């Protein structure tokens, strides 16, 4: 007898945005205080002197800090207020940077390179293969091994505590140079840094809620908490008698490094003046189909004068006059939003959560699933949660993660023999995982498809709006709201595509079964086939 929907041992889960522990108090900084403004502020050196002037300056900064109004947020731990908006470098600053770069021996620029809407473009058409920007390794801004205190202490802690978090390592250097540039090159580069980055780390809680995706919101909070923990535990103690950079400023440095860092050698990333302003295609459009990339970046080892490395930006196709420069960047959509504040509706994957309830799921089903996938404890003792990904693909099997197919196969079966065959005990975990839906009877297969469909619909139901509603208003929004809308549209399209494939697969089985039933009702002399009962009994 087939299982009814109420008897299937699963439930689609929607993990809500949870409240993360409070970090250190966040505060904005006035335009005259230390900020990513590109102005030279030599505070660390002034404080190290221990002079009367330094003491007075310290008192003034502390008084200013007390006067600042704390940021408001709906959840503890967010970096920004509801009124915070993205602010890109002005065209005037970027124009001055362009003028400065043309005079540098370490940089070569196309004579018609110009600025438009805070992005690089060409004022004349150029042919494919034309060099546009060249940067010698003399101008690569990487992680310095400076001995200045307290930055040395902070850098060492970052390497020890977070060896793989490269944007933190490089971002610390960005923060240091923003407070007091150590060279003309750094001073010029800081002028191109966005004073208020577009990264989702700087979105307000209401803006973050517009993402509607529970997994993404938890990722966002996790990154913010990691920054705030590092700031509280490492950065603040490193500054003894002077105010430390705020968690907001530390986050600015990390985001700058994450969004603009380029791998110039295996394992080595650096910031490349001007060249790293050429972002991904999504930088030119915030929703809809991403623009086609029109440039490519090449790193030639020892290809420059004197045997130095050189980074070259080339036109990958013929460029029109005024066309914004963009290059392909293999960035997962989640990281694109977190680091760049951009979104895309291109195919992505979506994580689905399936709950396994104690007393409903059978012991053999639970033990089998624990062999082929990781199960996380749920809120109630004895309950578990299985997670797997759904992606956009041309076939049903490629759409669903093998773990999710295995879960559907097991949860819709009556016994191990029914699910895996008589010799199930001889199968390896890998064979169980890769069994997919092959070899199942029509009845069992339809029940497995039903489980998958309910899981997909449960994920769609976790969003506050429908795909149709989002598509109707996407053109009416702009800025962060449009980015959030485009992000969740991409997720919902993946889920809708998966649901349609499941419905088509089920319809195919139903039609095939109806044909067999019709043929079995006719005399054998008419059909020339013997009646079969295979696949009957689904209800």
Protein backbone atom coordinates (compact mmCIF):
# COMPACT_ATOMS: atom_id res chain seq x y z
CA UNK A 1 0.00 0.00 0.00
CA UNK A 2 1.37 3.39 -0.92
CA UNK A 3 2.14 6.01 1.70
CA UNK A 4 -0.18 8.97 1.91
CA UNK A 5 1.33 12.47 1.98
CA UNK A 6 0.67 12.67 5.74
CA UNK A 7 2.66 9.46 6.34
CA UNK A 8 5.81 10.47 4.46
CA UNK A 9 8.58 10.97 7.07
CA UNK A 10 9.73 14.45 6.15
CA UNK A 11 8.81 18.08 6.40
CA UNK A 12 10.18 21.04 4.45
CA UNK A 13 11.95 23.43 6.74
CA UNK A 14 12.36 27.18 6.63
CA UNK A 15 15.23 28.33 8.80
CA UNK A 16 14.51 31.84 9.99
CA UNK A 17 17.03 34.61 10.43
CA UNK A 18 18.39 34.17 13.95
CA UNK A 19 19.69 36.83 16.26
CA UNK A 20 23.45 36.78 16.58
CA UNK A 21 25.29 37.86 19.73
CA UNK A 22 25.84 41.54 20.15
CA UNK A 23 29.18 42.78 18.91
CA UNK A 24 30.92 45.92 20.04
CA UNK A 25 28.88 49.04 19.58
CA UNK A 26 28.91 50.33 16.03
CA UNK A 27 29.27 53.99 15.28
CA UNK A 28 29.42 56.14 12.21
CA UNK A 29 32.32 58.47 11.56
CA UNK A 30 32.05 62.08 10.53
CA UNK A 31 33.63 63.20 7.31
CA UNK A 32 36.45 64.81 9.29
CA UNK A 33 37.35 61.64 11.21
CA UNK A 34 39.39 58.69 9.96
CA UNK A 35 37.55 57.26 7.02
CA UNK A 36 38.15 55.95 3.53
CA UNK A 37 38.43 59.44 2.16
CA UNK A 38 41.91 59.29 0.71
CA UNK A 39 43.17 62.10 2.96
CA UNK A 40 46.51 61.70 4.72
CA UNK A 41 45.96 61.35 8.47
CA UNK A 42 49.17 60.40 10.26
CA UNK A 43 47.58 59.50 13.61
CA UNK A 44 49.56 56.37 14.51
CA UNK A 45 52.85 58.27 14.23
CA UNK A 46 51.49 61.23 16.21
CA UNK A 47 50.36 59.04 19.07
CA UNK A 48 53.63 57.11 19.25
CA UNK A 49 55.53 60.30 20.11
CA UNK A 50 53.82 60.65 23.45
CA UNK A 51 53.91 64.42 23.24
CA UNK A 52 51.49 66.89 24.74
CA UNK A 53 49.99 67.44 21.29
CA UNK A 54 49.34 63.72 20.98
CA UNK A 55 47.61 63.62 24.37
CA UNK A 56 45.36 66.55 23.45
CA UNK A 57 44.52 65.00 20.10
CA UNK A 58 43.66 61.74 21.83
CA UNK A 59 41.30 63.54 24.21
CA UNK A 60 39.57 65.30 21.31
CA UNK A 61 39.06 62.00 19.47
CA UNK A 62 37.62 60.37 22.58
CA UNK A 63 35.25 63.29 23.11
CA UNK A 64 34.16 63.11 19.47
CA UNK A 65 33.61 59.37 19.83
CA UNK A 66 31.32 59.94 22.84
CA UNK A 67 29.27 62.50 20.89
CA UNK A 68 28.58 60.14 18.00
CA UNK A 69 25.04 58.84 17.84
CA UNK A 70 25.02 55.02 17.86
CA UNK A 71 23.62 53.28 14.80
CA UNK A 72 20.17 51.78 15.00
CA UNK A 73 19.26 48.32 13.73
CA UNK A 74 16.50 45.78 14.02
CA UNK A 75 18.97 43.05 14.96
CA UNK A 76 22.07 43.19 17.12
CA UNK A 77 25.33 42.88 15.24
CA UNK A 78 24.58 44.73 12.00
CA UNK A 79 27.16 47.28 10.92
CA UNK A 80 24.92 49.94 9.46
CA UNK A 81 21.73 51.89 10.00
CA UNK A 82 18.64 51.92 7.85
CA UNK A 83 19.65 55.23 6.28
CA UNK A 84 23.07 54.05 5.08
CA UNK A 85 23.43 54.07 1.29
CA UNK A 86 26.15 52.96 -1.09
CA UNK A 87 28.59 55.68 -2.09
CA UNK A 88 31.07 55.05 -4.90
CA UNK A 89 34.23 57.09 -5.58
CA UNK A 90 33.42 60.32 -7.38
CA UNK A 91 34.32 60.75 -11.04
CA UNK A 92 36.51 63.69 -10.04
CA UNK A 93 38.63 61.50 -7.74
CA UNK A 94 38.85 58.73 -10.30
CA UNK A 95 39.75 61.27 -12.97
CA UNK A 96 42.62 62.54 -10.83
CA UNK A 97 43.73 58.95 -10.26
CA UNK A 98 43.71 58.40 -14.01
CA UNK A 99 45.82 61.52 -14.56
CA UNK A 100 48.28 60.41 -11.87
CA UNK A 101 48.51 56.87 -13.30
CA UNK A 102 49.48 58.12 -16.75
CA UNK A 103 52.62 59.66 -15.25
CA UNK A 104 53.78 56.44 -13.57
CA UNK A 105 56.51 54.31 -15.13
CA UNK A 106 54.92 51.18 -13.62
CA UNK A 107 51.59 51.73 -15.38
CA UNK A 108 50.63 51.96 -19.05
CA UNK A 109 47.16 53.15 -20.08
CA UNK A 110 45.29 53.37 -23.37
CA UNK A 111 45.25 57.06 -24.37
CA UNK A 112 41.44 57.06 -24.72
CA UNK A 113 40.72 55.44 -21.35
CA UNK A 114 38.26 57.59 -19.40
CA UNK A 115 35.74 57.54 -16.53
CA UNK A 116 31.96 57.28 -16.81
CA UNK A 117 29.54 56.70 -13.91
CA UNK A 118 32.44 55.69 -11.64
CA UNK A 119 33.46 52.99 -14.13
CA UNK A 120 36.24 52.73 -16.68
CA UNK A 121 35.37 53.06 -20.37
CA UNK A 122 36.92 54.06 -23.69
CA UNK A 123 36.04 57.23 -25.56
CA UNK A 124 36.69 55.58 -28.96
CA UNK A 125 35.95 52.12 -30.43
CA UNK A 126 38.80 49.62 -30.13
CA UNK A 127 39.43 46.25 -31.75
CA UNK A 128 39.63 42.92 -29.96
CA UNK A 129 43.05 42.20 -28.51
CA UNK A 130 43.88 45.85 -27.86
CA UNK A 131 45.84 46.38 -24.61
CA UNK A 132 43.95 48.79 -22.35
CA UNK A 133 45.79 48.77 -19.00
CA UNK A 134 49.19 47.41 -18.03
CA UNK A 135 50.46 47.28 -14.43
CA UNK A 136 54.00 46.21 -13.52
CA UNK A 137 54.56 44.32 -10.27
CA UNK A 138 56.17 47.47 -8.84
CA UNK A 139 52.59 48.77 -8.45
CA UNK A 140 51.12 45.54 -7.01
CA UNK A 141 49.81 46.41 -3.53
CA UNK A 142 49.93 43.28 -1.41
CA UNK A 143 50.29 42.19 2.19
CA UNK A 144 53.23 44.03 3.72
CA UNK A 145 55.43 42.70 6.50
CA UNK A 146 55.73 46.06 8.16
CA UNK A 147 56.95 46.29 11.72
CA UNK A 148 54.71 49.16 12.76
CA UNK A 149 52.85 48.54 15.96
CA UNK A 150 50.04 47.70 16.50
CA UNK A 151 49.58 46.53 12.90
CA UNK A 152 52.24 43.84 13.16
CA UNK A 153 50.41 42.32 16.11
CA UNK A 154 47.10 42.43 14.26
CA UNK A 155 48.55 40.87 11.10
CA UNK A 156 50.19 38.05 13.05
CA UNK A 157 46.90 37.30 14.84
CA UNK A 158 45.06 37.22 11.50
CA UNK A 159 47.54 34.73 10.04
CA UNK A 160 47.42 32.51 13.13
CA UNK A 161 43.67 32.58 13.75
CA UNK A 162 42.43 32.73 10.15
CA UNK A 163 45.16 31.40 7.83
CA UNK A 164 42.76 30.94 4.88
CA UNK A 165 40.94 34.26 5.20
CA UNK A 166 43.06 36.11 2.65
CA UNK A 167 40.76 39.13 2.41
CA UNK A 168 41.28 39.73 6.14
CA UNK A 169 45.07 39.69 5.71
CA UNK A 170 45.00 42.08 2.77
CA UNK A 171 42.17 44.11 4.29
CA UNK A 172 44.22 44.90 7.40
CA UNK A 173 46.77 46.53 5.16
CA UNK A 174 44.01 48.54 3.46
CA UNK A 175 42.78 49.83 6.83
CA UNK A 176 46.31 50.75 7.88
CA UNK A 177 46.97 52.63 4.64
CA UNK A 178 43.62 54.40 4.79
CA UNK A 179 44.57 55.81 8.19
CA UNK A 180 48.08 56.77 7.13
CA UNK A 181 49.30 56.02 3.59
CA UNK A 182 52.91 54.85 3.59
CA UNK A 183 53.62 55.71 -0.04
CA UNK A 184 52.43 57.87 -2.92
CA UNK A 185 51.14 54.72 -4.60
CA UNK A 186 49.00 53.75 -1.61
CA UNK A 187 47.79 57.32 -1.21
CA UNK A 188 46.66 57.41 -4.83
CA UNK A 189 45.02 54.00 -4.57
CA UNK A 190 43.01 54.91 -1.48
CA UNK A 191 41.29 57.61 -3.52
CA UNK A 192 39.70 54.91 -5.65
CA UNK A 193 38.28 53.03 -2.66
CA UNK A 194 34.52 53.34 -2.21
CA UNK A 195 33.82 55.39 0.95
CA UNK A 196 30.65 53.36 1.51
CA UNK A 197 30.94 49.98 -0.25
CA UNK A 198 28.04 48.25 -1.96
CA UNK A 199 28.76 44.92 -0.20
CA UNK A 200 25.77 43.32 1.50
CA UNK A 201 27.78 43.45 4.74
CA UNK A 202 26.81 47.13 4.88
CA UNK A 203 23.13 46.64 4.21
CA UNK A 204 20.69 47.56 6.95
CA UNK A 205 18.50 44.87 8.54
CA UNK A 206 15.40 45.86 6.52
CA UNK A 207 17.46 45.65 3.33
CA UNK A 208 18.89 42.27 4.34
CA UNK A 209 15.38 40.99 5.03
CA UNK A 210 14.52 41.70 1.39
CA UNK A 211 16.78 38.81 0.39
CA UNK A 212 14.15 36.47 1.90
CA UNK A 213 16.64 33.60 1.63
CA UNK A 214 17.34 32.11 5.07
CA UNK A 215 20.68 30.59 4.09
CA UNK A 216 21.96 33.85 2.63
CA UNK A 217 20.85 35.86 5.66
CA UNK A 218 22.69 33.48 7.96
CA UNK A 219 25.81 33.73 5.79
CA UNK A 220 25.56 37.50 5.99
CA UNK A 221 25.29 37.49 9.76
CA UNK A 222 28.07 34.92 10.08
CA UNK A 223 30.52 37.13 8.17
CA UNK A 224 29.54 40.20 10.13
CA UNK A 225 30.01 38.34 13.40
CA UNK A 226 33.42 37.03 12.32
CA UNK A 227 34.56 40.60 11.60
CA UNK A 228 33.17 41.92 14.86
CA UNK A 229 34.75 39.10 16.87
CA UNK A 230 38.15 39.78 15.30
CA UNK A 231 37.73 43.49 15.93
CA UNK A 232 36.76 42.97 19.58
CA UNK A 233 39.32 40.28 20.40
CA UNK A 234 42.32 41.46 18.35
CA UNK A 235 42.04 44.98 16.92
CA UNK A 236 40.77 46.84 20.00
CA UNK A 237 43.31 45.32 22.46
CA UNK A 238 46.14 46.09 20.02
CA UNK A 239 45.56 49.84 20.48
CA UNK A 240 46.50 50.65 24.06
CA UNK A 241 46.06 54.38 24.57
CA UNK A 242 44.45 55.47 21.34
CA UNK A 243 41.06 54.78 19.76
CA UNK A 244 41.17 51.70 17.54
CA UNK A 245 39.61 51.62 14.07
CA UNK A 246 35.94 50.77 14.33
CA UNK A 247 34.50 47.44 13.23
CA UNK A 248 32.91 49.40 10.39
CA UNK A 249 36.33 50.54 9.15
CA UNK A 250 37.81 47.05 9.49
CA UNK A 251 34.90 45.71 7.46
CA UNK A 252 35.55 48.37 4.79
CA UNK A 253 39.12 47.15 4.41
CA UNK A 254 38.10 43.49 4.20
CA UNK A 255 35.39 44.19 1.63
CA UNK A 256 37.79 46.25 -0.49
CA UNK A 257 40.27 43.37 -0.48
CA UNK A 258 37.62 40.72 -1.14
CA UNK A 259 36.02 42.56 -4.07
CA UNK A 260 39.19 43.88 -5.71
CA UNK A 261 41.95 41.45 -4.78
CA UNK A 262 43.49 39.72 -7.83
CA UNK A 263 45.50 36.50 -7.72
CA UNK A 264 48.75 37.61 -9.36
CA UNK A 265 50.52 34.35 -8.49
CA UNK A 266 49.23 31.07 -7.05
CA UNK A 267 48.38 31.83 -3.43
CA UNK A 268 49.31 35.52 -3.70
CA UNK A 269 46.69 38.24 -4.09
CA UNK A 270 47.21 41.94 -4.55
CA UNK A 271 45.42 45.16 -5.36
CA UNK A 272 46.20 46.57 -8.79
CA UNK A 273 45.53 50.31 -9.15
CA UNK A 274 42.96 51.13 -11.85
CA UNK A 275 42.97 47.61 -13.25
CA UNK A 276 40.98 46.21 -10.32
CA UNK A 277 38.31 48.84 -10.93
CA UNK A 278 37.26 46.69 -13.90
CA UNK A 279 34.70 44.53 -12.14
CA UNK A 280 32.40 41.65 -13.12
CA UNK A 281 29.71 42.06 -15.80
CA UNK A 282 27.06 42.37 -13.08
CA UNK A 283 28.52 45.77 -12.20
CA UNK A 284 26.87 47.21 -15.31
CA UNK A 285 23.38 45.82 -14.67
CA UNK A 286 21.75 45.00 -11.34
CA UNK A 287 18.91 42.79 -12.52
CA UNK A 288 18.03 40.85 -15.62
CA UNK A 289 20.58 39.23 -17.90
CA UNK A 290 24.19 40.14 -16.98
CA UNK A 291 26.13 42.12 -19.52
CA UNK A 292 28.61 40.27 -21.68
CA UNK A 293 32.18 40.58 -20.43
CA UNK A 294 34.34 42.52 -22.88
CA UNK A 295 37.84 42.33 -21.37
CA UNK A 296 40.22 39.68 -20.16
CA UNK A 297 43.03 39.82 -17.64
CA UNK A 298 46.39 38.19 -18.28
CA UNK A 299 49.26 37.92 -15.79
CA UNK A 300 52.57 37.48 -17.63
CA UNK A 301 55.27 36.11 -15.36
CA UNK A 302 58.50 38.05 -15.93
CA UNK A 303 56.98 39.48 -19.11
CA UNK A 304 57.59 43.13 -18.29
CA UNK A 305 60.71 45.31 -18.45
CA UNK A 306 63.55 43.99 -16.32
CA UNK A 307 61.96 40.56 -16.11
CA UNK A 308 59.14 41.77 -13.84
CA UNK A 309 55.63 40.39 -13.72
CA UNK A 310 53.02 42.42 -15.56
CA UNK A 311 49.22 42.39 -15.47
CA UNK A 312 47.57 43.32 -18.76
CA UNK A 313 43.90 44.04 -19.45
CA UNK A 314 42.97 43.29 -23.08
CA UNK A 315 39.79 43.87 -25.05
CA UNK A 316 38.32 40.37 -25.54
CA UNK A 317 36.11 41.60 -28.39
CA UNK A 318 35.53 44.76 -30.40
CA UNK A 319 34.47 47.53 -28.01
CA UNK A 320 32.08 50.35 -28.80
CA UNK A 321 32.59 53.94 -27.80
CA UNK A 322 31.53 54.53 -24.17
CA UNK A 323 31.10 50.83 -23.38
CA UNK A 324 31.80 50.04 -19.71
CA UNK A 325 34.76 47.73 -19.16
CA UNK A 326 34.01 44.45 -17.41
CA UNK A 327 35.80 41.13 -17.18
CA UNK A 328 34.68 37.58 -16.40
CA UNK A 329 35.02 36.65 -12.76
CA UNK A 330 34.07 33.19 -11.51
CA UNK A 331 32.19 34.33 -8.40
CA UNK A 332 29.37 32.28 -6.82
CA UNK A 333 26.20 34.39 -6.61
CA UNK A 334 26.29 34.39 -2.80
CA UNK A 335 29.83 35.79 -2.75
CA UNK A 336 28.96 38.22 -5.54
CA UNK A 337 26.33 39.72 -3.28
CA UNK A 338 28.34 39.55 -0.05
CA UNK A 339 31.55 41.03 -1.45
CA UNK A 340 30.36 43.20 -4.35
CA UNK A 341 26.78 44.05 -3.43
CA UNK A 342 25.75 42.79 -6.88
CA UNK A 343 23.21 40.20 -7.92
CA UNK A 344 22.50 38.14 -10.97
CA UNK A 345 19.64 36.04 -12.25
CA UNK A 346 21.96 33.52 -13.87
CA UNK A 347 21.52 29.84 -12.84
CA UNK A 348 22.50 29.19 -9.24
CA UNK A 349 21.93 26.47 -6.68
CA UNK A 350 19.54 26.48 -3.73
CA UNK A 351 19.91 24.57 -0.49
CA UNK A 352 16.83 22.64 0.60
CA UNK A 353 16.26 21.42 4.14
CA UNK A 354 14.25 18.28 4.88
CA UNK A 355 13.27 17.46 8.45
CA UNK A 356 13.23 13.85 9.73
CA UNK A 357 10.78 13.55 12.62
CA UNK A 358 11.25 11.11 15.45
CA UNK A 359 8.47 8.52 15.51
CA UNK A 360 7.66 9.07 11.84
CA UNK A 361 10.88 8.19 10.09
CA UNK A 362 11.68 4.50 10.53
CA UNK A 363 14.96 3.42 12.18
CA UNK A 364 16.23 1.71 9.02
CA UNK A 365 15.54 4.85 6.99
CA UNK A 366 17.44 7.03 9.44
CA UNK A 367 20.43 4.70 9.64
CA UNK A 368 20.57 4.40 5.83
CA UNK A 369 20.47 8.16 5.33
CA UNK A 370 23.18 8.72 7.92
CA UNK A 371 25.47 6.57 5.79
CA UNK A 372 25.07 8.64 2.64
CA UNK A 373 24.62 12.20 3.91
CA UNK A 374 25.31 14.45 6.87
CA UNK A 375 22.33 14.97 9.15
CA UNK A 376 22.18 17.89 11.57
CA UNK A 377 20.25 17.73 14.86
CA UNK A 378 16.97 19.61 14.80
CA UNK A 379 15.42 21.63 17.60
CA UNK A 380 13.68 18.65 19.22
CA UNK A 381 15.67 15.64 20.56
CA UNK A 382 15.56 12.79 18.07
CA UNK A 383 14.68 15.01 15.12
CA UNK A 384 17.18 15.55 12.32
CA UNK A 385 17.59 17.84 9.31
CA UNK A 386 18.97 16.74 5.94
CA UNK A 387 20.29 19.40 3.56
CA UNK A 388 21.09 19.14 -0.14
CA UNK A 389 21.30 21.39 -3.19
CA UNK A 390 19.03 21.92 -6.16
CA UNK A 391 20.45 23.51 -9.29
CA UNK A 392 19.25 24.52 -12.73
CA UNK A 393 20.05 21.85 -15.31
CA UNK A 394 18.76 20.25 -18.47
CA UNK A 395 17.92 16.91 -16.83
CA UNK A 396 16.10 15.86 -13.69
CA UNK A 397 19.00 13.81 -12.36
CA UNK A 398 21.47 16.71 -12.68
CA UNK A 399 18.99 19.14 -11.15
CA UNK A 400 18.99 17.40 -7.77
CA UNK A 401 21.97 16.64 -5.57
CA UNK A 402 22.57 12.85 -5.37
CA UNK A 403 22.03 13.13 -1.62
CA UNK A 404 18.55 14.52 -2.14
CA UNK A 405 17.69 11.79 -4.66
CA UNK A 406 18.93 9.16 -2.21
CA UNK A 407 16.83 10.70 0.57
CA UNK A 408 13.70 10.66 -1.60
CA UNK A 409 14.37 7.06 -2.60
CA UNK A 410 14.76 5.94 1.04
CA UNK A 411 11.93 8.00 2.55
CA UNK A 412 9.41 6.76 -0.02
CA UNK A 413 10.34 3.07 0.38
CA UNK A 414 8.94 0.34 2.59
CA UNK A 415 12.16 -1.51 3.42
CA UNK A 416 15.84 -1.64 2.54
CA UNK A 417 15.11 -4.45 0.11
CA UNK A 418 12.41 -2.34 -1.53
CA UNK A 419 14.76 0.66 -1.79
CA UNK A 420 18.13 -0.93 -2.59
CA UNK A 421 17.39 -4.51 -3.59
CA UNK A 422 17.90 -7.87 -1.93
CA UNK A 423 21.67 -7.44 -1.76
CA UNK A 424 21.56 -4.03 -0.10
CA UNK A 425 23.97 -5.17 2.62
CA UNK A 426 26.67 -5.68 -0.01
CA UNK A 427 26.38 -2.13 -1.39
CA UNK A 428 28.94 0.52 -0.49
CA UNK A 429 27.90 3.93 0.77
CA UNK A 430 28.92 5.41 -2.58
CA UNK A 431 26.72 2.93 -4.46
CA UNK A 432 23.78 3.78 -2.20
CA UNK A 433 24.36 7.49 -2.75
CA UNK A 434 24.57 7.20 -6.52
CA UNK A 435 21.58 4.90 -6.92
CA UNK A 436 19.41 7.88 -7.84
CA UNK A 437 15.90 6.85 -8.90
CA UNK A 438 17.02 4.11 -11.27
CA UNK A 439 15.45 0.68 -11.02
CA UNK A 440 12.40 1.81 -9.04
CA UNK A 441 8.91 0.63 -9.90
CA UNK A 442 6.52 3.22 -11.27
CA UNK A 443 4.75 3.36 -7.91
CA UNK A 444 7.93 3.85 -5.90
CA UNK A 445 9.31 6.35 -8.39
CA UNK A 446 6.16 8.49 -8.28
CA UNK A 447 6.27 8.50 -4.48
CA UNK A 448 9.92 9.60 -4.59
CA UNK A 449 9.03 12.37 -7.05
CA UNK A 450 6.24 13.44 -4.70
CA UNK A 451 8.73 13.74 -1.83
CA UNK A 452 11.05 15.85 -3.97
CA UNK A 453 8.21 18.06 -5.16
CA UNK A 454 7.00 18.73 -1.63
CA UNK A 455 10.55 19.61 -0.56
CA UNK A 456 10.84 22.08 -3.45
CA UNK A 457 7.44 23.60 -2.74
CA UNK A 458 8.35 23.90 0.92
CA UNK A 459 11.46 25.86 -0.05
CA UNK A 460 9.41 28.14 -2.32
CA UNK A 461 6.87 28.67 0.47
CA UNK A 462 9.66 29.90 2.77
CA UNK A 463 9.93 33.07 0.66
CA UNK A 464 7.59 35.90 1.54
CA UNK A 465 6.68 36.72 -2.07
CA UNK A 466 6.12 34.67 -5.20
CA UNK A 467 8.29 34.68 -8.31
CA UNK A 468 5.49 36.31 -10.31
CA UNK A 469 5.13 39.13 -7.78
CA UNK A 470 8.88 39.77 -7.83
CA UNK A 471 9.11 39.85 -11.62
CA UNK A 472 6.28 42.40 -11.77
CA UNK A 473 8.04 44.97 -9.58
CA UNK A 474 11.75 44.41 -10.35
CA UNK A 475 11.90 47.27 -12.85
CA UNK A 476 10.35 49.67 -10.35
CA UNK A 477 13.16 49.33 -7.80
CA UNK A 478 16.75 50.46 -7.73
CA UNK A 479 19.86 50.15 -5.60
CA UNK A 480 19.95 47.58 -2.86
CA UNK A 481 16.27 46.74 -3.04
CA UNK A 482 16.68 45.81 -6.69
CA UNK A 483 19.79 43.78 -5.93
CA UNK A 484 17.95 41.84 -3.22
CA UNK A 485 15.00 41.28 -5.54
CA UNK A 486 17.23 40.03 -8.36
CA UNK A 487 18.98 37.68 -5.94
CA UNK A 488 15.80 36.01 -4.72
CA UNK A 489 14.39 35.88 -8.27
CA UNK A 490 17.41 33.79 -9.26
CA UNK A 491 16.82 31.39 -6.37
CA UNK A 492 13.11 31.05 -7.08
CA UNK A 493 13.69 30.38 -10.77
CA UNK A 494 15.94 27.46 -9.85
CA UNK A 495 13.25 26.02 -7.58
CA UNK A 496 10.46 26.61 -10.11
CA UNK A 497 12.50 24.93 -12.82
CA UNK A 498 13.05 21.94 -10.52
CA UNK A 499 9.33 21.73 -9.74
CA UNK A 500 8.44 21.78 -13.44
CA UNK A 501 10.86 18.94 -14.15
CA UNK A 502 9.32 16.88 -11.35
CA UNK A 503 5.82 17.51 -12.68
CA UNK A 504 6.87 16.48 -16.20
CA UNK A 505 8.54 13.32 -14.90
CA UNK A 506 5.45 12.38 -12.91
CA UNK A 507 3.17 13.13 -15.86
CA UNK A 508 5.33 10.94 -18.07
CA UNK A 509 4.95 8.02 -15.64
CA UNK A 510 1.20 8.63 -15.35
CA UNK A 511 0.70 8.67 -19.12
CA UNK A 512 2.80 5.55 -19.56
CA UNK A 513 0.86 3.78 -16.83
CA UNK A 514 -2.50 4.82 -18.30
CA UNK A 515 -1.40 3.45 -21.67
CA UNK A 516 -0.46 0.15 -20.06
CA UNK A 517 -3.77 -0.05 -18.22
CA UNK A 518 -5.64 0.61 -21.46
CA UNK A 519 -3.66 -2.05 -23.26
CA UNK A 520 -4.16 -4.55 -20.44
CA UNK A 521 -7.95 -4.14 -20.71
CA UNK A 522 -7.88 -5.27 -24.35
CA UNK A 523 -7.73 -8.91 -25.38
CA UNK A 524 -4.26 -10.32 -25.92
CA UNK A 525 -5.28 -11.23 -29.44
CA UNK A 526 -5.73 -7.53 -30.16
CA UNK A 527 -2.61 -6.12 -28.47
CA UNK A 528 -0.29 -9.07 -28.95
CA UNK A 529 1.02 -8.41 -25.40
CA UNK A 530 0.49 -10.13 -22.08
CA UNK A 531 -1.12 -8.14 -19.28
CA UNK A 532 1.29 -6.81 -16.64
CA UNK A 533 0.66 -5.53 -13.14
CA UNK A 534 4.04 -3.84 -12.73
CA UNK A 535 3.83 -0.34 -11.32
CA UNK A 536 0.16 -0.61 -10.26
CA UNK A 537 -1.29 0.47 -6.97
CA UNK A 538 -0.07 4.06 -6.50
CA UNK A 539 -2.55 6.04 -4.48
